Amino acid sequence: MTALPLSSHMNRQRAELAAALELAPTSLRIEIMRAAIVLYGGTTTPLRDNTDGGLTFPNFTVLGVTGDGATEVEAIAEWTKAATRMTLAAEEEVAA
């Protein structure tokens, strides 16, 4: 058995996480994403006031993909869309 190249392995992880997030009830998505950040390494920024009186909106970065939104749930939805696009683009590149 040969090992998958790192990029193929990461694409599979992205696809699996995106699918898990899409299938999960909204109430569990934040918990799943936070667990993925711990498992794979990543960052999250919660909604908060920044130093100039504005807001810093939530974002999640994991497996090389970032999702931003007005809420954590929106940020996860954007992450899922971006991860799905990256996975499909990588599959098309391999097929070409």
C-alpha atoms as a PDB file:
ATOM      1  CA  MET A   1       0.000   0.000   0.000  1.00  0.00           C
ATOM      2  CA  THR A   2       1.431   3.369  -0.974  1.00  0.00           C
ATOM      3  CA  ALA A   3       0.940   6.459   1.114  1.00  0.00           C
ATOM      4  CA  LEU A   4      -1.215   9.240  -0.266  1.00  0.00           C
ATOM      5  CA  PRO A   5       0.561  12.478  -1.067  1.00  0.00           C
ATOM      6  CA  LEU A   6       0.051  15.052   1.676  1.00  0.00           C
ATOM      7  CA  SER A   7      -2.213  17.162  -0.534  1.00  0.00           C
ATOM      8  CA  SER A   8      -4.483  14.171  -1.274  1.00  0.00           C
ATOM      9  CA  HIS A   9      -4.629  13.303   2.414  1.00  0.00           C
ATOM     10  CA  MET A  10      -5.506  16.892   3.335  1.00  0.00           C
ATOM     11  CA  ASN A  11      -8.167  17.066   0.602  1.00  0.00           C
ATOM     12  CA  ARG A  12      -9.757  13.905   1.981  1.00  0.00           C
ATOM     13  CA  GLN A  13      -9.725  15.369   5.502  1.00  0.00           C
ATOM     14  CA  ARG A  14     -11.306  18.601   4.217  1.00  0.00           C
ATOM     15  CA  ALA A  15     -14.004  16.663   2.377  1.00  0.00           C
ATOM     16  CA  GLU A  16     -14.774  14.502   5.411  1.00  0.00           C
ATOM     17  CA  LEU A  17     -14.974  17.502   7.749  1.00  0.00           C
ATOM     18  CA  ALA A  18     -17.137  19.470   5.300  1.00  0.00           C
ATOM     19  CA  ALA A  19     -19.517  16.508   4.973  1.00  0.00           C
ATOM     20  CA  ALA A  20     -19.697  16.072   8.755  1.00  0.00           C
ATOM     21  CA  LEU A  21     -20.484  19.767   9.194  1.00  0.00           C
ATOM     22  CA  GLU A  22     -23.157  19.744   6.495  1.00  0.00           C
ATOM     23  CA  LEU A  23     -24.862  16.697   7.983  1.00  0.00           C
ATOM     24  CA  ALA A  24     -24.670  17.850  11.609  1.00  0.00           C
ATOM     25  CA  PRO A  25     -27.449  19.782  13.273  1.00  0.00           C
ATOM     26  CA  THR A  26     -26.632  23.480  13.514  1.00  0.00           C
ATOM     27  CA  SER A  27     -26.369  23.165  17.285  1.00  0.00           C
ATOM     28  CA  LEU A  28     -23.377  20.785  16.952  1.00  0.00           C
ATOM     29  CA  ARG A  29     -21.423  22.490  14.154  1.00  0.00           C
ATOM     30  CA  ILE A  30     -19.447  24.826  16.402  1.00  0.00           C
ATOM     31  CA  GLU A  31     -18.454  21.926  18.640  1.00  0.00           C
ATOM     32  CA  ILE A  32     -17.372  19.839  15.635  1.00  0.00           C
ATOM     33  CA  MET A  33     -15.315  22.694  14.186  1.00  0.00           C
ATOM     34  CA  ARG A  34     -13.597  23.387  17.508  1.00  0.00           C
ATOM     35  CA  ALA A  35     -12.737  19.686  17.826  1.00  0.00           C
ATOM     36  CA  ALA A  36     -11.306  19.743  14.284  1.00  0.00           C
ATOM     37  CA  ILE A  37      -9.126  22.739  15.185  1.00  0.00           C
ATOM     38  CA  VAL A  38      -7.684  20.788  18.094  1.00  0.00           C
ATOM     39  CA  LEU A  39      -7.279  17.602  16.031  1.00  0.00           C
ATOM     40  CA  TYR A  40      -5.780  19.107  12.870  1.00  0.00           C
ATOM     41  CA  GLY A  41      -4.442  22.404  14.171  1.00  0.00           C
ATOM     42  CA  GLY A  42      -6.057  25.700  13.322  1.00  0.00           C
ATOM     43  CA  THR A  43      -7.417  28.913  14.743  1.00  0.00           C
ATOM     44  CA  THR A  44     -10.693  30.539  15.606  1.00  0.00           C
ATOM     45  CA  THR A  45     -11.591  34.131  16.346  1.00  0.00           C
ATOM     46  CA  PRO A  46     -14.816  34.796  18.238  1.00  0.00           C
ATOM     47  CA  LEU A  47     -17.044  37.822  17.648  1.00  0.00           C
ATOM     48  CA  ARG A  48     -15.609  40.629  19.747  1.00  0.00           C
ATOM     49  CA  ASP A  49     -15.011  44.357  19.955  1.00  0.00           C
ATOM     50  CA  ASN A  50     -11.693  45.449  18.527  1.00  0.00           C
ATOM     51  CA  THR A  51      -9.507  48.295  19.738  1.00  0.00           C
ATOM     52  CA  ASP A  52     -10.940  50.980  17.417  1.00  0.00           C
ATOM     53  CA  GLY A  53     -14.541  50.496  18.512  1.00  0.00           C
ATOM     54  CA  GLY A  54     -15.535  48.184  15.663  1.00  0.00           C
ATOM     55  CA  LEU A  55     -16.151  44.479  15.639  1.00  0.00           C
ATOM     56  CA  THR A  56     -13.927  41.552  14.780  1.00  0.00           C
ATOM     57  CA  PHE A  57     -16.139  38.963  13.136  1.00  0.00           C
ATOM     58  CA  PRO A  58     -15.842  35.231  13.781  1.00  0.00           C
ATOM     59  CA  ASN A  59     -13.600  33.076  11.629  1.00  0.00           C
ATOM     60  CA  PHE A  60     -12.301  29.540  11.580  1.00  0.00           C
ATOM     61  CA  THR A  61      -9.116  28.352   9.906  1.00  0.00           C
ATOM     62  CA  VAL A  62      -8.425  24.624   9.697  1.00  0.00           C
ATOM     63  CA  LEU A  63      -6.779  22.377   7.080  1.00  0.00           C
ATOM     64  CA  GLY A  64      -5.655  25.434   5.126  1.00  0.00           C
ATOM     65  CA  VAL A  65      -9.165  26.843   4.686  1.00  0.00           C
ATOM     66  CA  THR A  66     -10.643  29.950   6.309  1.00  0.00           C
ATOM     67  CA  GLY A  67     -14.311  30.803   6.739  1.00  0.00           C
ATOM     68  CA  ASP A  68     -15.529  34.199   7.974  1.00  0.00           C
ATOM     69  CA  GLY A  69     -19.031  35.293   8.907  1.00  0.00           C
ATOM     70  CA  ALA A  70     -21.172  37.556  11.037  1.00  0.00           C
ATOM     71  CA  THR A  71     -21.716  34.606  13.396  1.00  0.00           C
ATOM     72  CA  GLU A  72     -19.811  31.412  14.139  1.00  0.00           C
ATOM     73  CA  VAL A  73     -22.458  29.404  12.285  1.00  0.00           C
ATOM     74  CA  GLU A  74     -22.049  31.628   9.195  1.00  0.00           C
ATOM     75  CA  ALA A  75     -18.260  31.321   9.414  1.00  0.00           C
ATOM     76  CA  ILE A  76     -18.578  27.521   9.473  1.00  0.00           C
ATOM     77  CA  ALA A  77     -20.945  27.601   6.488  1.00  0.00           C
ATOM     78  CA  GLU A  78     -18.409  29.715   4.564  1.00  0.00           C
ATOM     79  CA  TRP A  79     -15.601  27.349   5.611  1.00  0.00           C
ATOM     80  CA  THR A  80     -17.636  24.395   4.337  1.00  0.00           C
ATOM     81  CA  LYS A  81     -18.264  26.078   0.971  1.00  0.00           C
ATOM     82  CA  ALA A  82     -14.579  26.970   0.565  1.00  0.00           C
ATOM     83  CA  ALA A  83     -13.396  23.489   1.576  1.00  0.00           C
ATOM     84  CA  THR A  84     -15.815  21.893  -0.877  1.00  0.00           C
ATOM     85  CA  ARG A  85     -14.598  24.181  -3.698  1.00  0.00           C
ATOM     86  CA  MET A  86     -10.970  23.336  -2.908  1.00  0.00           C
ATOM     87  CA  THR A  87     -11.677  19.612  -2.823  1.00  0.00           C
ATOM     88  CA  LEU A  88     -13.534  19.682  -6.142  1.00  0.00           C
ATOM     89  CA  ALA A  89     -10.795  21.766  -7.777  1.00  0.00           C
ATOM     90  CA  ALA A  90      -8.140  19.321  -6.566  1.00  0.00           C
ATOM     91  CA  GLU A  91     -10.127  16.361  -7.912  1.00  0.00           C
ATOM     92  CA  GLU A  92     -10.497  18.085 -11.298  1.00  0.00           C
ATOM     93  CA  GLU A  93      -6.769  18.807 -11.365  1.00  0.00           C
ATOM     94  CA  VAL A  94      -5.928  15.147 -10.680  1.00  0.00           C
ATOM     95  CA  ALA A  95      -8.385  13.983 -13.358  1.00  0.00           C
ATOM     96  CA  ALA A  96      -6.893  16.331 -15.984  1.00  0.00           C
END
